[in-house]
Amino acid sequence: MAQLPSALLGALRELARTRRLLVALDFDGTLAPEVDSPEQARALPESRDAVLRLLKMPSTRVALISGRALRSLIEVADLPDDTLLVGSHGIEIRLDDPEDRVSLNTMELEQVDVLHEVLGEVADSIDQVWLEVKPAGFALHTRLATEHNSRVAHLVAKSETNAEIEGLTVREGKNVLEFSVRSTTKGEALEHLRRYTAADAVFYAGDDVTDEDAFAALLPHDVGVKSGDGPTEAGFRVAGPQEIAAVLTALATFREGDVHEQ
């Protein structure tokens, strides 16, 4: 805990006293270091251990809120079934009922087909650019592409999809451009989870621009921690996943201690 700022430790200690606490976390770049192949991402052991400790505590719920498709999130997170999961920025949700599904209407299905055709052509025409299927759209990945090719892929994809589909939701993340025929945000997902869990306070950690919607949804008594660089509305910032692991370990330790008021 010594390497964490004293102000952050104080906020975590106070948060640990919350009667009903929701700990919500982004996965990639937060719990897990970023990797070139998304399917190989795994949470740091220290973060996983802290999450498992929090999951065992009374009046404490843990949720992952990710841009990943829910199926992918389940695979890479490998956490107990009582972990609340939000995939595709809130389009997919697995709460305590495992039967939650996304159901697209006829028009949305037609739009997904158009997206697939347009974005598939972009991915096929530019080296090291590939397409990931999402429940309501696609993600165009450019992490392995050159800076020039990445820029071209983003510009062409935006232009071509805009010409074909009106009202499309486009999110730009780190080396990825996501296209969805449905609009929702991590902030909306966090608010839904707050209501669902009847949480008195929320902890949220994330690293990407899409996490800013979640940070913006936090209330004054909540705690938000940004992982890494970039503008943020979070109250605190740490260098990366290794420091997030220390934050979660501190929160788990405080909540297990005598400061936790049940």
Foldseek 3Di string as FASTA:
>chain_A
DVVDDPVLLVLLLLQLQFQAEEEEEEADFAQWDDDPDLLPTAGDPLQLVLVVLQVPDPNYAYEYFYLAAQVSCCNRHVDDLCHWYAYNQRQFTQHNPNPTDHDDDPVQVVLQVVQCVQLVVLQVVAPQWDWDDHPFHIKIAQPPPDPVSLVVSVVSSVVVSVVPDPPWDWDDKDRMITTGPDDDANCVVVVVVCVVSVTPEYEYEDEIPRCQSNLVNHDPSYAYEYADDDDHSGPYYDPTNVVSSVSSNSSSVSNPDPSHDD
